[in-house]
Amino acid sequence: MFENIIFFKFLDIFFIVFHSLLIVFNVLGWIWVKTRFWNFVTLNITAFSWFILGIWYGWGYCFCTDWHWQVRNMLGKRIESHSYISFLIESIFNVNIPAHIVDSITLLVFICSYVASSYFQIKKWWGNYKGIK
């Protein structure tokens, strides 16, 4: 039993770090040439989770959040946040922002990041097609 608690505490910390870094990478990864392809990949995985899996699990569904919430439930930690971004804001700043505001800003930032990442990917693919380096 004790080993399970240690394992779930490790997973809780892992998800906080991994998921937070993934969010930062999704938002900023398009800036650096060397990370643009992987940023485009992670943004598409995020879009798939939110909009395709979201058809069955609810708009904005994130499998990372789902897994993290399962871990926190195993630890007996209540989840009162409606989204992972809300969870981070409440955890870091101890502020409760209305769900519609957090969701709107999250979507706006995601769209801006996705457009920027797509622009650079299309530009790269078009340059490769035209023989431009």
N, C-alpha and C. Protein backbone atom coordinates (compact mmCIF):
# COMPACT_ATOMS: atom_id res chain seq x y z
N MET A 1 0.83 -1.20 0.00
CA MET A 1 0.00 0.00 0.00
C MET A 1 0.86 1.25 0.00
N PHE A 2 1.90 1.28 0.85
CA PHE A 2 2.78 2.44 0.95
C PHE A 2 3.48 2.70 -0.39
N GLU A 3 3.88 1.61 -1.09
CA GLU A 3 4.54 1.75 -2.38
C GLU A 3 3.61 2.41 -3.39
N ASN A 4 2.32 2.06 -3.33
CA ASN A 4 1.35 2.66 -4.24
C ASN A 4 1.21 4.15 -4.00
N ILE A 5 1.20 4.56 -2.75
CA ILE A 5 1.08 5.98 -2.43
C ILE A 5 2.29 6.74 -2.96
N ILE A 6 3.47 6.19 -2.75
CA ILE A 6 4.69 6.83 -3.27
C ILE A 6 4.63 6.93 -4.79
N PHE A 7 4.20 5.85 -5.44
CA PHE A 7 4.10 5.84 -6.89
C PHE A 7 3.10 6.89 -7.38
N PHE A 8 1.94 6.98 -6.75
CA PHE A 8 0.94 7.96 -7.17
C PHE A 8 1.38 9.39 -6.86
N LYS A 9 2.11 9.60 -5.78
CA LYS A 9 2.66 10.93 -5.50
C LYS A 9 3.68 11.31 -6.56
N PHE A 10 4.51 10.33 -6.96
CA PHE A 10 5.46 10.57 -8.04
C PHE A 10 4.71 10.94 -9.33
N LEU A 11 3.67 10.17 -9.66
CA LEU A 11 2.89 10.46 -10.87
C LEU A 11 2.23 11.84 -10.81
N ASP A 12 1.75 12.23 -9.64
CA ASP A 12 1.13 13.54 -9.47
C ASP A 12 2.14 14.64 -9.81
N ILE A 13 3.33 14.54 -9.26
CA ILE A 13 4.38 15.52 -9.54
C ILE A 13 4.79 15.45 -11.01
N PHE A 14 4.94 14.23 -11.53
CA PHE A 14 5.29 14.05 -12.93
C PHE A 14 4.30 14.76 -13.85
N PHE A 15 3.00 14.54 -13.60
CA PHE A 15 1.99 15.17 -14.46
C PHE A 15 1.99 16.68 -14.33
N ILE A 16 2.20 17.20 -13.14
CA ILE A 16 2.26 18.66 -12.98
C ILE A 16 3.40 19.23 -13.82
N VAL A 17 4.57 18.61 -13.73
CA VAL A 17 5.73 19.09 -14.47
C VAL A 17 5.55 18.85 -15.97
N PHE A 18 5.25 17.60 -16.35
CA PHE A 18 5.14 17.26 -17.77
C PHE A 18 4.04 18.05 -18.47
N HIS A 19 2.87 18.09 -17.89
CA HIS A 19 1.74 18.75 -18.53
C HIS A 19 1.97 20.26 -18.62
N SER A 20 2.56 20.83 -17.58
CA SER A 20 2.85 22.27 -17.60
C SER A 20 3.88 22.59 -18.68
N LEU A 21 4.93 21.77 -18.78
CA LEU A 21 5.93 21.98 -19.82
C LEU A 21 5.33 21.78 -21.22
N LEU A 22 4.45 20.81 -21.36
CA LEU A 22 3.78 20.59 -22.64
C LEU A 22 2.95 21.81 -23.04
N ILE A 23 2.26 22.40 -22.08
CA ILE A 23 1.47 23.60 -22.36
C ILE A 23 2.37 24.74 -22.81
N VAL A 24 3.47 24.95 -22.10
CA VAL A 24 4.42 26.01 -22.47
C VAL A 24 4.99 25.72 -23.86
N PHE A 25 5.32 24.47 -24.14
CA PHE A 25 5.85 24.10 -25.45
C PHE A 25 4.80 24.33 -26.54
N ASN A 26 3.55 23.98 -26.28
CA ASN A 26 2.49 24.22 -27.25
C ASN A 26 2.36 25.71 -27.57
N VAL A 27 2.50 26.54 -26.57
CA VAL A 27 2.32 27.98 -26.75
C VAL A 27 3.55 28.61 -27.43
N LEU A 28 4.75 28.17 -27.08
CA LEU A 28 5.96 28.86 -27.53
C LEU A 28 6.86 28.07 -28.47
N GLY A 29 6.60 26.80 -28.65
CA GLY A 29 7.51 25.95 -29.42
C GLY A 29 7.68 26.33 -30.87
N TRP A 30 6.76 27.07 -31.44
CA TRP A 30 6.86 27.48 -32.84
C TRP A 30 7.92 28.57 -33.04
N ILE A 31 8.38 29.20 -31.98
CA ILE A 31 9.32 30.31 -32.10
C ILE A 31 10.68 29.85 -32.60
N TRP A 32 11.16 28.70 -32.12
CA TRP A 32 12.49 28.22 -32.46
C TRP A 32 12.43 27.25 -33.63
N VAL A 33 13.27 27.48 -34.61
CA VAL A 33 13.29 26.67 -35.83
C VAL A 33 13.43 25.18 -35.51
N LYS A 34 14.31 24.83 -34.59
CA LYS A 34 14.58 23.41 -34.29
C LYS A 34 13.41 22.70 -33.61
N THR A 35 12.48 23.44 -33.02
CA THR A 35 11.36 22.79 -32.32
C THR A 35 10.03 22.92 -33.08
N ARG A 36 10.04 23.59 -34.20
CA ARG A 36 8.79 23.87 -34.91
C ARG A 36 8.04 22.61 -35.34
N PHE A 37 8.74 21.63 -35.87
CA PHE A 37 8.05 20.42 -36.30
C PHE A 37 7.36 19.74 -35.13
N TRP A 38 8.09 19.55 -34.02
CA TRP A 38 7.51 18.86 -32.86
C TRP A 38 6.41 19.69 -32.21
N ASN A 39 6.53 21.01 -32.29
CA ASN A 39 5.46 21.87 -31.80
C ASN A 39 4.20 21.65 -32.63
N PHE A 40 4.36 21.56 -33.94
CA PHE A 40 3.23 21.30 -34.83
C PHE A 40 2.59 19.95 -34.50
N VAL A 41 3.41 18.96 -34.22
CA VAL A 41 2.91 17.63 -33.85
C VAL A 41 2.11 17.70 -32.55
N THR A 42 2.68 18.31 -31.51
CA THR A 42 1.98 18.35 -30.22
C THR A 42 0.71 19.20 -30.28
N LEU A 43 0.73 20.26 -31.08
CA LEU A 43 -0.50 21.05 -31.24
C LEU A 43 -1.59 20.24 -31.94
N ASN A 44 -1.20 19.42 -32.91
CA ASN A 44 -2.19 18.58 -33.59
C ASN A 44 -2.72 17.49 -32.67
N ILE A 45 -1.87 16.93 -31.83
CA ILE A 45 -2.34 15.94 -30.85
C ILE A 45 -3.31 16.61 -29.88
N THR A 46 -2.97 17.81 -29.44
CA THR A 46 -3.86 18.56 -28.54
C THR A 46 -5.19 18.84 -29.23
N ALA A 47 -5.15 19.29 -30.47
CA ALA A 47 -6.38 19.57 -31.22
C ALA A 47 -7.22 18.30 -31.37
N PHE A 48 -6.56 17.18 -31.66
CA PHE A 48 -7.27 15.91 -31.77
C PHE A 48 -7.98 15.56 -30.46
N SER A 49 -7.26 15.72 -29.37
CA SER A 49 -7.84 15.41 -28.06
C SER A 49 -9.02 16.32 -27.76
N TRP A 50 -8.83 17.62 -27.94
CA TRP A 50 -9.88 18.60 -27.62
C TRP A 50 -11.12 18.45 -28.49
N PHE A 51 -10.89 18.34 -29.81
CA PHE A 51 -12.01 18.46 -30.75
C PHE A 51 -12.53 17.13 -31.29
N ILE A 52 -11.71 16.11 -31.38
CA ILE A 52 -12.17 14.80 -31.87
C ILE A 52 -12.57 13.92 -30.69
N LEU A 53 -11.64 13.67 -29.77
CA LEU A 53 -12.02 12.90 -28.58
C LEU A 53 -13.08 13.66 -27.77
N GLY A 54 -13.03 14.97 -27.88
CA GLY A 54 -14.01 15.81 -27.19
C GLY A 54 -15.44 15.56 -27.64
N ILE A 55 -15.62 15.00 -28.82
CA ILE A 55 -16.98 14.64 -29.28
C ILE A 55 -17.61 13.65 -28.31
N TRP A 56 -16.79 12.71 -27.81
CA TRP A 56 -17.31 11.69 -26.91
C TRP A 56 -17.13 12.03 -25.43
N TYR A 57 -16.05 12.75 -25.10
CA TYR A 57 -15.74 12.99 -23.69
C TYR A 57 -16.05 14.41 -23.23
N GLY A 58 -16.44 15.27 -24.13
CA GLY A 58 -16.74 16.66 -23.79
C GLY A 58 -15.70 17.60 -24.39
N TRP A 59 -16.17 18.73 -24.90
CA TRP A 59 -15.30 19.68 -25.57
C TRP A 59 -14.11 20.03 -24.68
N GLY A 60 -12.93 20.04 -25.27
CA GLY A 60 -11.73 20.37 -24.52
C GLY A 60 -11.14 19.21 -23.75
N TYR A 61 -11.64 18.00 -24.01
CA TYR A 61 -11.12 16.83 -23.30
C TYR A 61 -9.62 16.70 -23.55
N CYS A 62 -8.89 16.46 -22.49
CA CYS A 62 -7.44 16.25 -22.58
C CYS A 62 -7.10 14.96 -21.85
N PHE A 63 -6.50 14.02 -22.56
CA PHE A 63 -6.19 12.74 -21.92
C PHE A 63 -5.13 12.89 -20.85
N CYS A 64 -4.23 13.87 -20.97
CA CYS A 64 -3.25 14.11 -19.89
C CYS A 64 -3.95 14.56 -18.62
N THR A 65 -4.91 15.47 -18.78
CA THR A 65 -5.67 15.93 -17.62
C THR A 65 -6.46 14.78 -17.02
N ASP A 66 -7.08 13.98 -17.86
CA ASP A 66 -7.86 12.83 -17.39
C ASP A 66 -6.99 11.89 -16.57
N TRP A 67 -5.81 11.55 -17.09
CA TRP A 67 -4.91 10.66 -16.38
C TRP A 67 -4.46 11.28 -15.06
N HIS A 68 -4.15 12.58 -15.10
CA HIS A 68 -3.71 13.25 -13.87
C HIS A 68 -4.83 13.26 -12.83
N TRP A 69 -6.05 13.54 -13.26
CA TRP A 69 -7.18 13.54 -12.32
C TRP A 69 -7.38 12.16 -11.72
N GLN A 70 -7.17 11.10 -12.51
CA GLN A 70 -7.27 9.74 -11.97
C GLN A 70 -6.23 9.50 -10.88
N VAL A 71 -5.01 9.99 -11.11
CA VAL A 71 -3.95 9.85 -10.11
C VAL A 71 -4.32 10.61 -8.85
N ARG A 72 -4.79 11.84 -9.01
CA ARG A 72 -5.16 12.66 -7.84
C ARG A 72 -6.33 12.03 -7.08
N ASN A 73 -7.26 11.42 -7.80
CA ASN A 73 -8.36 10.71 -7.13
C ASN A 73 -7.83 9.55 -6.30
N MET A 74 -6.84 8.82 -6.83
CA MET A 74 -6.24 7.71 -6.10
C MET A 74 -5.55 8.19 -4.82
N LEU A 75 -5.07 9.44 -4.85
CA LEU A 75 -4.42 10.03 -3.67
C LEU A 75 -5.44 10.67 -2.73
N GLY A 76 -6.71 10.66 -3.13
CA GLY A 76 -7.75 11.26 -2.29
C GLY A 76 -7.80 12.78 -2.39
N LYS A 77 -7.19 13.35 -3.42
CA LYS A 77 -7.20 14.80 -3.62
C LYS A 77 -8.41 15.18 -4.46
N ARG A 78 -9.20 16.10 -3.94
CA ARG A 78 -10.39 16.55 -4.66
C ARG A 78 -10.00 17.42 -5.84
N ILE A 79 -10.68 17.23 -6.94
CA ILE A 79 -10.48 18.05 -8.12
C ILE A 79 -11.66 19.00 -8.22
N GLU A 80 -11.39 20.26 -8.00
CA GLU A 80 -12.46 21.26 -8.06
C GLU A 80 -12.34 22.15 -9.28
N SER A 81 -11.26 22.01 -10.01
CA SER A 81 -11.04 22.81 -11.20
C SER A 81 -11.75 22.17 -12.39
N HIS A 82 -12.30 22.99 -13.25
CA HIS A 82 -12.98 22.46 -14.43
C HIS A 82 -12.01 22.15 -15.57
N SER A 83 -10.80 22.72 -15.51
CA SER A 83 -9.80 22.47 -16.55
C SER A 83 -8.41 22.49 -15.93
N TYR A 84 -7.45 22.00 -16.69
CA TYR A 84 -6.08 21.97 -16.18
C TYR A 84 -5.52 23.38 -16.03
N ILE A 85 -5.86 24.26 -16.97
CA ILE A 85 -5.40 25.65 -16.88
C ILE A 85 -5.96 26.30 -15.62
N SER A 86 -7.23 26.07 -15.34
CA SER A 86 -7.81 26.59 -14.09
C SER A 86 -7.10 26.02 -12.88
N PHE A 87 -6.80 24.73 -12.91
CA PHE A 87 -6.08 24.08 -11.83
C PHE A 87 -4.73 24.76 -11.60
N LEU A 88 -3.98 25.03 -12.68
CA LEU A 88 -2.68 25.69 -12.55
C LEU A 88 -2.82 27.10 -11.98
N ILE A 89 -3.79 27.85 -12.50
CA ILE A 89 -4.00 29.22 -12.01
C ILE A 89 -4.35 29.21 -10.53
N GLU A 90 -5.25 28.31 -10.14
CA GLU A 90 -5.65 28.23 -8.73
C GLU A 90 -4.49 27.76 -7.86
N SER A 91 -3.70 26.79 -8.36
CA SER A 91 -2.58 26.25 -7.58
C SER A 91 -1.45 27.26 -7.42
N ILE A 92 -1.12 27.95 -8.49
CA ILE A 92 0.02 28.87 -8.47
C ILE A 92 -0.33 30.22 -7.86
N PHE A 93 -1.47 30.79 -8.29
CA PHE A 93 -1.81 32.15 -7.90
C PHE A 93 -2.91 32.24 -6.85
N ASN A 94 -3.51 31.09 -6.52
CA ASN A 94 -4.60 31.05 -5.55
C ASN A 94 -5.75 31.99 -5.95
N VAL A 95 -6.05 31.98 -7.26
CA VAL A 95 -7.10 32.83 -7.81
C VAL A 95 -8.10 31.93 -8.54
N ASN A 96 -9.37 32.21 -8.37
CA ASN A 96 -10.42 31.46 -9.04
C ASN A 96 -11.05 32.35 -10.11
N ILE A 97 -10.70 32.10 -11.37
CA ILE A 97 -11.21 32.87 -12.50
C ILE A 97 -12.38 32.10 -13.10
N PRO A 98 -13.46 32.80 -13.48
CA PRO A 98 -14.62 32.10 -14.06
C PRO A 98 -14.22 31.21 -15.25
N ALA A 99 -14.87 30.06 -15.33
CA ALA A 99 -14.54 29.05 -16.33
C ALA A 99 -14.60 29.60 -17.76
N HIS A 100 -15.61 30.39 -18.07
CA HIS A 100 -15.74 30.86 -19.45
C HIS A 100 -14.59 31.78 -19.85
N ILE A 101 -14.03 32.52 -18.90
CA ILE A 101 -12.89 33.39 -19.20
C ILE A 101 -11.64 32.55 -19.44
N VAL A 102 -11.39 31.59 -18.56
CA VAL A 102 -10.22 30.72 -18.72
C VAL A 102 -10.32 29.96 -20.03
N ASP A 103 -11.48 29.40 -20.32
CA ASP A 103 -11.66 28.63 -21.56
C ASP A 103 -11.48 29.50 -22.79
N SER A 104 -12.00 30.71 -22.76
CA SER A 104 -11.89 31.62 -23.91
C SER A 104 -10.44 32.02 -24.16
N ILE A 105 -9.73 32.36 -23.10
CA ILE A 105 -8.31 32.75 -23.25
C ILE A 105 -7.48 31.55 -23.69
N THR A 106 -7.75 30.39 -23.12
CA THR A 106 -7.04 29.17 -23.50
C THR A 106 -7.23 28.89 -24.99
N LEU A 107 -8.47 28.96 -25.45
CA LEU A 107 -8.76 28.71 -26.86
C LEU A 107 -8.08 29.75 -27.76
N LEU A 108 -8.14 31.01 -27.37
CA LEU A 108 -7.51 32.08 -28.16
C LEU A 108 -6.00 31.87 -28.27
N VAL A 109 -5.35 31.55 -27.16
CA VAL A 109 -3.91 31.31 -27.17
C VAL A 109 -3.59 30.08 -28.02
N PHE A 110 -4.41 29.03 -27.90
CA PHE A 110 -4.20 27.82 -28.70
C PHE A 110 -4.31 28.15 -30.19
N ILE A 111 -5.35 28.88 -30.57
CA ILE A 111 -5.54 29.23 -31.99
C ILE A 111 -4.36 30.04 -32.51
N CYS A 112 -3.92 31.02 -31.75
CA CYS A 112 -2.77 31.84 -32.16
C CYS A 112 -1.52 30.97 -32.33
N SER A 113 -1.28 30.08 -31.40
CA SER A 113 -0.12 29.19 -31.48
C SER A 113 -0.25 28.25 -32.67
N TYR A 114 -1.45 27.74 -32.89
CA TYR A 114 -1.68 26.81 -33.99
C TYR A 114 -1.49 27.50 -35.34
N VAL A 115 -1.99 28.72 -35.46
CA VAL A 115 -1.82 29.48 -36.71
C VAL A 115 -0.34 29.76 -36.96
N ALA A 116 0.38 30.19 -35.93
CA ALA A 116 1.81 30.47 -36.09
C ALA A 116 2.57 29.21 -36.47
N SER A 117 2.30 28.11 -35.79
CA SER A 117 2.99 26.85 -36.07
C SER A 117 2.66 26.37 -37.48
N SER A 118 1.40 26.45 -37.86
CA SER A 118 0.97 26.02 -39.20
C SER A 118 1.63 26.88 -40.27
N TYR A 119 1.69 28.18 -40.04
CA TYR A 119 2.32 29.09 -41.00
C TYR A 119 3.76 28.64 -41.28
N PHE A 120 4.53 28.41 -40.23
CA PHE A 120 5.92 28.02 -40.42
C PHE A 120 6.06 26.64 -41.06
N GLN A 121 5.15 25.71 -40.72
CA GLN A 121 5.20 24.38 -41.35
C GLN A 121 4.88 24.47 -42.83
N ILE A 122 3.84 25.22 -43.17
CA ILE A 122 3.47 25.37 -44.58
C ILE A 122 4.58 26.07 -45.35
N LYS A 123 5.15 27.10 -44.74
CA LYS A 123 6.27 27.82 -45.37
C LYS A 123 7.44 26.88 -45.62
N LYS A 124 7.76 26.01 -44.66
CA LYS A 124 8.86 25.06 -44.81
C LYS A 124 8.53 24.04 -45.89
N TRP A 125 7.33 23.47 -45.85
CA TRP A 125 6.94 22.47 -46.85
C TRP A 125 6.92 23.09 -48.25
N TRP A 126 6.41 24.30 -48.35
CA TRP A 126 6.34 24.96 -49.65
C TRP A 126 7.75 25.25 -50.16
N GLY A 127 8.63 25.67 -49.25
CA GLY A 127 10.02 25.92 -49.63
C GLY A 127 10.71 24.65 -50.09
N ASN A 128 10.45 23.54 -49.42
CA ASN A 128 11.02 22.26 -49.83
C ASN A 128 10.46 21.83 -51.19
N TYR A 129 9.19 22.08 -51.41
CA TYR A 129 8.55 21.73 -52.67
C TYR A 129 9.16 22.55 -53.81
N LYS A 130 9.41 23.82 -53.56
CA LYS A 130 9.96 24.70 -54.56
C LYS A 130 11.49 24.59 -54.67
N GLY A 131 12.10 23.81 -53.78
CA GLY A 131 13.56 23.65 -53.80
C GLY A 131 14.27 24.78 -53.09
N ILE A 132 13.55 25.55 -52.28
CA ILE A 132 14.15 26.66 -51.53
C ILE A 132 14.56 26.16 -50.17
N LYS A 133 15.73 26.51 -49.73
CA LYS A 133 16.19 26.06 -48.41
C LYS A 133 15.95 27.10 -47.38
